Each structure stands twice: as C-alpha cells, then as structure tokens.
Amino acid sequence: KKKKEVLSVSMGQGQEVVARRFVDQGAATGCWALFQNCHLGLKFLEELELRLGDPTQEFDEDMRMWVTAEPHPEFPIGLLQM
C-alpha cells in the first residue's frame, strides 16, 4: 500500500493561496489535504464548493479533503453534502 502525503493549512491571514495550491496538488497527484479553522476562510470554501461541483474539473480519484471549522451561519452547507 502506498503512503499518502497529507498537506495541512490553518486558514486565515492570506492562507487561501496555500489552500488553493493544495487543492491543485491533490487534484493532480491524489494527495490528501486538511483545511483547518475554515470559519476564517469562508470565501475560500465557497470557491472550493464551486470548483468541486464543476463537471469540467478533473480530480485524482485518491484525493481526499478534510475541513475543520467552528460553527458559522455562512458556512456553505453544500460543501458538506458532496
């Protein structure tokens, strides 16, 4: 069995750039990504929801993402339903 690389970033203070890079890397290589404190990066989550729902986007079948966040009324619930 192959060992998976797990990339992690704590959102806030401009970390959206890093998070986007992790999504790109996961889509290409199948690595896993952990996005922490996402209540601080709601705009990124909306962007991620749109990207994951776009049928023209291709993602490696082994890619996985985890999201942690404090409760927030603007959290995109659709992201959790994917």
PDB file of N, CA and C in Angstrom:
ATOM      1  N   LYS A   1       0.820  -1.178   0.000  1.00  0.00           N
ATOM      2  CA  LYS A   1       0.000   0.000   0.000  1.00  0.00           C
ATOM      3  C   LYS A   1       0.873   1.254   0.000  1.00  0.00           C
ATOM      4  N   LYS A   2       0.476   2.243  -0.788  1.00  0.00           N
ATOM      5  CA  LYS A   2       1.230   3.490  -0.837  1.00  0.00           C
ATOM      6  C   LYS A   2       0.871   4.382   0.332  1.00  0.00           C
ATOM      7  N   LYS A   3       1.862   5.053   0.872  1.00  0.00           N
ATOM      8  CA  LYS A   3       1.629   6.033   1.932  1.00  0.00           C
ATOM      9  C   LYS A   3       1.201   7.339   1.276  1.00  0.00           C
ATOM     10  N   LYS A   4       0.146   7.945   1.794  1.00  0.00           N
ATOM     11  CA  LYS A   4      -0.375   9.187   1.226  1.00  0.00           C
ATOM     12  C   LYS A   4       0.240  10.395   1.913  1.00  0.00           C
ATOM     13  N   GLU A   5       0.541  11.388   1.117  1.00  0.00           N
ATOM     14  CA  GLU A   5       1.001  12.660   1.651  1.00  0.00           C
ATOM     15  C   GLU A   5      -0.226  13.444   2.122  1.00  0.00           C
ATOM     16  N   VAL A   6      -0.147  14.003   3.326  1.00  0.00           N
ATOM     17  CA  VAL A   6      -1.237  14.814   3.860  1.00  0.00           C
ATOM     18  C   VAL A   6      -0.716  16.238   4.034  1.00  0.00           C
ATOM     19  N   LEU A   7      -1.335  17.157   3.319  1.00  0.00           N
ATOM     20  CA  LEU A   7      -0.973  18.566   3.394  1.00  0.00           C
ATOM     21  C   LEU A   7      -1.962  19.257   4.319  1.00  0.00           C
ATOM     22  N   SER A   8      -1.506  20.169   5.158  1.00  0.00           N
ATOM     23  CA  SER A   8      -2.444  20.853   6.050  1.00  0.00           C
ATOM     24  C   SER A   8      -2.142  22.339   6.106  1.00  0.00           C
ATOM     25  N   VAL A   9      -3.207  23.093   6.259  1.00  0.00           N
ATOM     26  CA  VAL A   9      -3.083  24.545   6.380  1.00  0.00           C
ATOM     27  C   VAL A   9      -4.170  25.036   7.332  1.00  0.00           C
ATOM     28  N   SER A  10      -3.799  25.998   8.163  1.00  0.00           N
ATOM     29  CA  SER A  10      -4.751  26.649   9.050  1.00  0.00           C
ATOM     30  C   SER A  10      -5.159  27.951   8.370  1.00  0.00           C
ATOM     31  N   MET A  11      -6.439  28.096   8.094  1.00  0.00           N
ATOM     32  CA  MET A  11      -6.924  29.219   7.315  1.00  0.00           C
ATOM     33  C   MET A  11      -6.840  30.523   8.103  1.00  0.00           C
ATOM     34  N   GLY A  12      -6.876  31.619   7.372  1.00  0.00           N
ATOM     35  CA  GLY A  12      -6.776  32.953   7.944  1.00  0.00           C
ATOM     36  C   GLY A  12      -5.515  33.637   7.469  1.00  0.00           C
ATOM     37  N   GLN A  13      -5.526  34.945   7.459  1.00  0.00           N
ATOM     38  CA  GLN A  13      -4.363  35.769   7.111  1.00  0.00           C
ATOM     39  C   GLN A  13      -3.715  35.368   5.792  1.00  0.00           C
ATOM     40  N   GLY A  14      -4.506  35.281   4.738  1.00  0.00           N
ATOM     41  CA  GLY A  14      -3.966  35.039   3.406  1.00  0.00           C
ATOM     42  C   GLY A  14      -3.608  33.606   3.078  1.00  0.00           C
ATOM     43  N   GLN A  15      -4.031  32.646   3.882  1.00  0.00           N
ATOM     44  CA  GLN A  15      -3.676  31.252   3.637  1.00  0.00           C
ATOM     45  C   GLN A  15      -4.483  30.620   2.495  1.00  0.00           C
ATOM     46  N   GLU A  16      -5.405  31.382   1.895  1.00  0.00           N
ATOM     47  CA  GLU A  16      -6.182  30.860   0.776  1.00  0.00           C
ATOM     48  C   GLU A  16      -5.274  30.468  -0.378  1.00  0.00           C
ATOM     49  N   VAL A  17      -4.184  31.210  -0.565  1.00  0.00           N
ATOM     50  CA  VAL A  17      -3.234  30.909  -1.639  1.00  0.00           C
ATOM     51  C   VAL A  17      -2.633  29.522  -1.433  1.00  0.00           C
ATOM     52  N   VAL A  18      -2.248  29.233  -0.213  1.00  0.00           N
ATOM     53  CA  VAL A  18      -1.683  27.923   0.122  1.00  0.00           C
ATOM     54  C   VAL A  18      -2.745  26.839  -0.073  1.00  0.00           C
ATOM     55  N   ALA A  19      -3.958  27.105   0.391  1.00  0.00           N
ATOM     56  CA  ALA A  19      -5.040  26.125   0.276  1.00  0.00           C
ATOM     57  C   ALA A  19      -5.347  25.818  -1.189  1.00  0.00           C
ATOM     58  N   ARG A  20      -5.372  26.832  -2.042  1.00  0.00           N
ATOM     59  CA  ARG A  20      -5.599  26.601  -3.478  1.00  0.00           C
ATOM     60  C   ARG A  20      -4.508  25.721  -4.067  1.00  0.00           C
ATOM     61  N   ARG A  21      -3.280  25.966  -3.656  1.00  0.00           N
ATOM     62  CA  ARG A  21      -2.158  25.149  -4.149  1.00  0.00           C
ATOM     63  C   ARG A  21      -2.334  23.690  -3.715  1.00  0.00           C
ATOM     64  N   PHE A  22      -2.810  23.477  -2.499  1.00  0.00           N
ATOM     65  CA  PHE A  22      -3.037  22.117  -2.014  1.00  0.00           C
ATOM     66  C   PHE A  22      -4.148  21.428  -2.802  1.00  0.00           C
ATOM     67  N   VAL A  23      -5.193  22.178  -3.154  1.00  0.00           N
ATOM     68  CA  VAL A  23      -6.273  21.602  -3.977  1.00  0.00           C
ATOM     69  C   VAL A  23      -5.719  21.220  -5.336  1.00  0.00           C
ATOM     70  N   ASP A  24      -4.932  22.102  -5.928  1.00  0.00           N
ATOM     71  CA  ASP A  24      -4.327  21.801  -7.235  1.00  0.00           C
ATOM     72  C   ASP A  24      -3.434  20.560  -7.154  1.00  0.00           C
ATOM     73  N   GLN A  25      -2.639  20.492  -6.106  1.00  0.00           N
ATOM     74  CA  GLN A  25      -1.729  19.357  -5.938  1.00  0.00           C
ATOM     75  C   GLN A  25      -2.511  18.063  -5.726  1.00  0.00           C
ATOM     76  N   GLY A  26      -3.557  18.121  -4.930  1.00  0.00           N
ATOM     77  CA  GLY A  26      -4.386  16.942  -4.706  1.00  0.00           C
ATOM     78  C   GLY A  26      -5.083  16.482  -5.968  1.00  0.00           C
ATOM     79  N   ALA A  27      -5.569  17.435  -6.740  1.00  0.00           N
ATOM     80  CA  ALA A  27      -6.250  17.100  -7.991  1.00  0.00           C
ATOM     81  C   ALA A  27      -5.299  16.397  -8.950  1.00  0.00           C
ATOM     82  N   ALA A  28      -4.041  16.791  -8.944  1.00  0.00           N
ATOM     83  CA  ALA A  28      -3.061  16.220  -9.865  1.00  0.00           C
ATOM     84  C   ALA A  28      -2.454  14.912  -9.372  1.00  0.00           C
ATOM     85  N   THR A  29      -2.194  14.814  -8.049  1.00  0.00           N
ATOM     86  CA  THR A  29      -1.426  13.669  -7.548  1.00  0.00           C
ATOM     87  C   THR A  29      -2.205  12.723  -6.642  1.00  0.00           C
ATOM     88  N   GLY A  30      -3.378  13.161  -6.168  1.00  0.00           N
ATOM     89  CA  GLY A  30      -4.158  12.313  -5.267  1.00  0.00           C
ATOM     90  C   GLY A  30      -3.763  12.429  -3.812  1.00  0.00           C
ATOM     91  N   CYS A  31      -2.941  13.441  -3.470  1.00  0.00           N
ATOM     92  CA  CYS A  31      -2.594  13.601  -2.053  1.00  0.00           C
ATOM     93  C   CYS A  31      -3.823  14.087  -1.283  1.00  0.00           C
ATOM     94  N   TRP A  32      -3.733  14.051   0.015  1.00  0.00           N
ATOM     95  CA  TRP A  32      -4.841  14.436   0.875  1.00  0.00           C
ATOM     96  C   TRP A  32      -4.571  15.821   1.443  1.00  0.00           C
ATOM     97  N   ALA A  33      -5.644  16.550   1.760  1.00  0.00           N
ATOM     98  CA  ALA A  33      -5.493  17.906   2.293  1.00  0.00           C
ATOM     99  C   ALA A  33      -6.400  18.103   3.500  1.00  0.00           C
ATOM    100  N   LEU A  34      -5.874  18.775   4.496  1.00  0.00           N
ATOM    101  CA  LEU A  34      -6.621  19.132   5.702  1.00  0.00           C
ATOM    102  C   LEU A  34      -6.655  20.649   5.795  1.00  0.00           C
ATOM    103  N   PHE A  35      -7.867  21.197   5.753  1.00  0.00           N
ATOM    104  CA  PHE A  35      -8.067  22.633   5.878  1.00  0.00           C
ATOM    105  C   PHE A  35      -8.654  22.899   7.263  1.00  0.00           C
ATOM    106  N   GLN A  36      -7.885  23.584   8.110  1.00  0.00           N
ATOM    107  CA  GLN A  36      -8.278  23.826   9.496  1.00  0.00           C
ATOM    108  C   GLN A  36      -8.768  25.263   9.692  1.00  0.00           C
ATOM    109  N   ASN A  37      -9.638  25.448  10.677  1.00  0.00           N
ATOM    110  CA  ASN A  37     -10.163  26.774  11.021  1.00  0.00           C
ATOM    111  C   ASN A  37     -10.818  27.453   9.824  1.00  0.00           C
ATOM    112  N   CYS A  38     -11.615  26.702   9.086  1.00  0.00           N
ATOM    113  CA  CYS A  38     -12.206  27.225   7.860  1.00  0.00           C
ATOM    114  C   CYS A  38     -13.246  28.307   8.091  1.00  0.00           C
ATOM    115  N   HIS A  39     -13.698  28.486   9.316  1.00  0.00           N
ATOM    116  CA  HIS A  39     -14.586  29.608   9.602  1.00  0.00           C
ATOM    117  C   HIS A  39     -13.864  30.935   9.366  1.00  0.00           C
ATOM    118  N   LEU A  40     -12.534  30.891   9.264  1.00  0.00           N
ATOM    119  CA  LEU A  40     -11.740  32.082   8.963  1.00  0.00           C
ATOM    120  C   LEU A  40     -11.504  32.252   7.464  1.00  0.00           C
ATOM    121  N   GLY A  41     -11.952  31.289   6.663  1.00  0.00           N
ATOM    122  CA  GLY A  41     -11.752  31.346   5.210  1.00  0.00           C
ATOM    123  C   GLY A  41     -13.006  30.975   4.453  1.00  0.00           C
ATOM    124  N   LEU A  42     -14.121  31.590   4.787  1.00  0.00           N
ATOM    125  CA  LEU A  42     -15.399  31.236   4.164  1.00  0.00           C
ATOM    126  C   LEU A  42     -15.409  31.502   2.659  1.00  0.00           C
ATOM    127  N   LYS A  43     -14.735  32.545   2.228  1.00  0.00           N
ATOM    128  CA  LYS A  43     -14.675  32.845   0.794  1.00  0.00           C
ATOM    129  C   LYS A  43     -13.982  31.698   0.045  1.00  0.00           C
ATOM    130  N   PHE A  44     -12.910  31.161   0.628  1.00  0.00           N
ATOM    131  CA  PHE A  44     -12.230  30.021   0.021  1.00  0.00           C
ATOM    132  C   PHE A  44     -13.164  28.809  -0.059  1.00  0.00           C
ATOM    133  N   LEU A  45     -13.949  28.585   0.984  1.00  0.00           N
ATOM    134  CA  LEU A  45     -14.871  27.447   0.979  1.00  0.00           C
ATOM    135  C   LEU A  45     -15.914  27.571  -0.122  1.00  0.00           C
ATOM    136  N   GLU A  46     -16.406  28.778  -0.349  1.00  0.00           N
ATOM    137  CA  GLU A  46     -17.364  28.992  -1.444  1.00  0.00           C
ATOM    138  C   GLU A  46     -16.711  28.683  -2.788  1.00  0.00           C
ATOM    139  N   GLU A  47     -15.473  29.129  -2.944  1.00  0.00           N
ATOM    140  CA  GLU A  47     -14.707  28.857  -4.156  1.00  0.00           C
ATOM    141  C   GLU A  47     -14.480  27.348  -4.320  1.00  0.00           C
ATOM    142  N   LEU A  48     -14.146  26.672  -3.230  1.00  0.00           N
ATOM    143  CA  LEU A  48     -13.910  25.231  -3.262  1.00  0.00           C
ATOM    144  C   LEU A  48     -15.179  24.483  -3.634  1.00  0.00           C
ATOM    145  N   GLU A  49     -16.298  24.898  -3.091  1.00  0.00           N
ATOM    146  CA  GLU A  49     -17.578  24.266  -3.400  1.00  0.00           C
ATOM    147  C   GLU A  49     -17.879  24.374  -4.899  1.00  0.00           C
ATOM    148  N   LEU A  50     -17.659  25.543  -5.471  1.00  0.00           N
ATOM    149  CA  LEU A  50     -17.892  25.731  -6.908  1.00  0.00           C
ATOM    150  C   LEU A  50     -16.957  24.859  -7.736  1.00  0.00           C
ATOM    151  N   ARG A  51     -15.704  24.808  -7.328  1.00  0.00           N
ATOM    152  CA  ARG A  51     -14.721  24.012  -8.088  1.00  0.00           C
ATOM    153  C   ARG A  51     -15.037  22.519  -8.028  1.00  0.00           C
ATOM    154  N   LEU A  52     -15.386  22.040  -6.848  1.00  0.00           N
ATOM    155  CA  LEU A  52     -15.691  20.613  -6.712  1.00  0.00           C
ATOM    156  C   LEU A  52     -16.967  20.237  -7.460  1.00  0.00           C
ATOM    157  N   GLY A  53     -17.883  21.183  -7.584  1.00  0.00           N
ATOM    158  CA  GLY A  53     -19.133  20.922  -8.291  1.00  0.00           C
ATOM    159  C   GLY A  53     -19.063  21.123  -9.789  1.00  0.00           C
ATOM    160  N   ASP A  54     -17.936  21.598 -10.285  1.00  0.00           N
ATOM    161  CA  ASP A  54     -17.766  21.869 -11.710  1.00  0.00           C
ATOM    162  C   ASP A  54     -17.434  20.566 -12.441  1.00  0.00           C
ATOM    163  N   PRO A  55     -18.313  20.119 -13.343  1.00  0.00           N
ATOM    164  CA  PRO A  55     -18.069  18.848 -14.033  1.00  0.00           C
ATOM    165  C   PRO A  55     -16.886  18.884 -14.996  1.00  0.00           C
ATOM    166  N   THR A  56     -16.372  20.075 -15.320  1.00  0.00           N
ATOM    167  CA  THR A  56     -15.218  20.150 -16.216  1.00  0.00           C
ATOM    168  C   THR A  56     -13.897  19.987 -15.468  1.00  0.00           C
ATOM    169  N   GLN A  57     -13.946  20.059 -14.133  1.00  0.00           N
ATOM    170  CA  GLN A  57     -12.733  19.902 -13.328  1.00  0.00           C
ATOM    171  C   GLN A  57     -12.408  18.414 -13.171  1.00  0.00           C
ATOM    172  N   GLU A  58     -11.143  18.083 -13.237  1.00  0.00           N
ATOM    173  CA  GLU A  58     -10.706  16.697 -13.046  1.00  0.00           C
ATOM    174  C   GLU A  58      -9.913  16.600 -11.751  1.00  0.00           C
ATOM    175  N   PHE A  59     -10.209  15.555 -10.988  1.00  0.00           N
ATOM    176  CA  PHE A  59      -9.528  15.309  -9.725  1.00  0.00           C
ATOM    177  C   PHE A  59      -9.069  13.859  -9.687  1.00  0.00           C
ATOM    178  N   ASP A  60      -7.858  13.626  -9.187  1.00  0.00           N
ATOM    179  CA  ASP A  60      -7.372  12.265  -8.987  1.00  0.00           C
ATOM    180  C   ASP A  60      -8.338  11.542  -8.050  1.00  0.00           C
ATOM    181  N   GLU A  61      -8.642  10.301  -8.371  1.00  0.00           N
ATOM    182  CA  GLU A  61      -9.635   9.559  -7.575  1.00  0.00           C
ATOM    183  C   GLU A  61      -9.194   9.301  -6.134  1.00  0.00           C
ATOM    184  N   ASP A  62      -7.917   9.407  -5.840  1.00  0.00           N
ATOM    185  CA  ASP A  62      -7.422   9.178  -4.478  1.00  0.00           C
ATOM    186  C   ASP A  62      -7.431  10.440  -3.616  1.00  0.00           C
ATOM    187  N   MET A  63      -7.722  11.580  -4.218  1.00  0.00           N
ATOM    188  CA  MET A  63      -7.716  12.844  -3.469  1.00  0.00           C
ATOM    189  C   MET A  63      -8.780  12.825  -2.374  1.00  0.00           C
ATOM    190  N   ARG A  64      -8.418  13.326  -1.205  1.00  0.00           N
ATOM    191  CA  ARG A  64      -9.348  13.459  -0.093  1.00  0.00           C
ATOM    192  C   ARG A  64      -9.121  14.810   0.548  1.00  0.00           C
ATOM    193  N   MET A  65     -10.192  15.397   1.105  1.00  0.00           N
ATOM    194  CA  MET A  65     -10.091  16.669   1.810  1.00  0.00           C
ATOM    195  C   MET A  65     -10.874  16.594   3.104  1.00  0.00           C
ATOM    196  N   TRP A  66     -10.305  17.181   4.150  1.00  0.00           N
ATOM    197  CA  TRP A  66     -10.982  17.318   5.429  1.00  0.00           C
ATOM    198  C   TRP A  66     -11.067  18.793   5.760  1.00  0.00           C
ATOM    199  N   VAL A  67     -12.164  19.178   6.373  1.00  0.00           N
ATOM    200  CA  VAL A  67     -12.399  20.567   6.738  1.00  0.00           C
ATOM    201  C   VAL A  67     -12.768  20.609   8.218  1.00  0.00           C
ATOM    202  N   THR A  68     -12.094  21.479   8.964  1.00  0.00           N
ATOM    203  CA  THR A  68     -12.494  21.727  10.349  1.00  0.00           C
ATOM    204  C   THR A  68     -12.896  23.188  10.453  1.00  0.00           C
ATOM    205  N   ALA A  69     -13.896  23.454  11.292  1.00  0.00           N
ATOM    206  CA  ALA A  69     -14.372  24.829  11.459  1.00  0.00           C
ATOM    207  C   ALA A  69     -15.215  24.938  12.711  1.00  0.00           C
ATOM    208  N   GLU A  70     -15.259  26.134  13.257  1.00  0.00           N
ATOM    209  CA  GLU A  70     -16.228  26.441  14.298  1.00  0.00           C
ATOM    210  C   GLU A  70     -17.562  26.684  13.602  1.00  0.00           C
ATOM    211  N   PRO A  71     -18.671  26.482  14.300  1.00  0.00           N
ATOM    212  CA  PRO A  71     -19.969  26.757  13.679  1.00  0.00           C
ATOM    213  C   PRO A  71     -20.041  28.202  13.185  1.00  0.00           C
ATOM    214  N   HIS A  72     -20.582  28.366  11.984  1.00  0.00           N
ATOM    215  CA  HIS A  72     -20.730  29.700  11.413  1.00  0.00           C
ATOM    216  C   HIS A  72     -21.958  29.699  10.511  1.00  0.00           C
ATOM    217  N   PRO A  73     -22.821  30.702  10.614  1.00  0.00           N
ATOM    218  CA  PRO A  73     -24.063  30.711   9.830  1.00  0.00           C
ATOM    219  C   PRO A  73     -23.825  30.807   8.327  1.00  0.00           C
ATOM    220  N   GLU A  74     -22.664  31.258   7.879  1.00  0.00           N
ATOM    221  CA  GLU A  74     -22.383  31.399   6.460  1.00  0.00           C
ATOM    222  C   GLU A  74     -21.583  30.229   5.880  1.00  0.00           C
ATOM    223  N   PHE A  75     -21.369  29.191   6.668  1.00  0.00           N
ATOM    224  CA  PHE A  75     -20.643  28.023   6.165  1.00  0.00           C
ATOM    225  C   PHE A  75     -21.437  27.404   5.022  1.00  0.00           C
ATOM    226  N   PRO A  76     -20.794  27.141   3.863  1.00  0.00           N
ATOM    227  CA  PRO A  76     -21.515  26.577   2.717  1.00  0.00           C
ATOM    228  C   PRO A  76     -21.896  25.107   2.945  1.00  0.00           C
ATOM    229  N   ILE A  77     -23.128  24.891   3.318  1.00  0.00           N
ATOM    230  CA  ILE A  77     -23.616  23.549   3.654  1.00  0.00           C
ATOM    231  C   ILE A  77     -23.480  22.591   2.460  1.00  0.00           C
ATOM    232  N   GLY A  78     -23.619  23.108   1.254  1.00  0.00           N
ATOM    233  CA  GLY A  78     -23.478  22.267   0.064  1.00  0.00           C
ATOM    234  C   GLY A  78     -22.134  21.570  -0.003  1.00  0.00           C
ATOM    235  N   LEU A  79     -21.108  22.175   0.547  1.00  0.00           N
ATOM    236  CA  LEU A  79     -19.779  21.573   0.561  1.00  0.00           C
ATOM    237  C   LEU A  79     -19.790  20.276   1.372  1.00  0.00           C
ATOM    238  N   LEU A  80     -20.546  20.265   2.440  1.00  0.00           N
ATOM    239  CA  LEU A  80     -20.619  19.070   3.285  1.00  0.00           C
ATOM    240  C   LEU A  80     -21.427  17.959   2.640  1.00  0.00           C
ATOM    241  N   GLN A  81     -22.241  18.292   1.660  1.00  0.00           N
ATOM    242  CA  GLN A  81     -23.109  17.318   1.023  1.00  0.00           C
ATOM    243  C   GLN A  81     -22.491  16.686  -0.221  1.00  0.00           C
ATOM    244  N   MET A  82     -21.263  17.032  -0.517  1.00  0.00           N
ATOM    245  CA  MET A  82     -20.595  16.492  -1.709  1.00  0.00           C
ATOM    246  C   MET A  82     -19.977  15.148  -1.421  1.00  0.00           C
TER     247      MET A  82
END
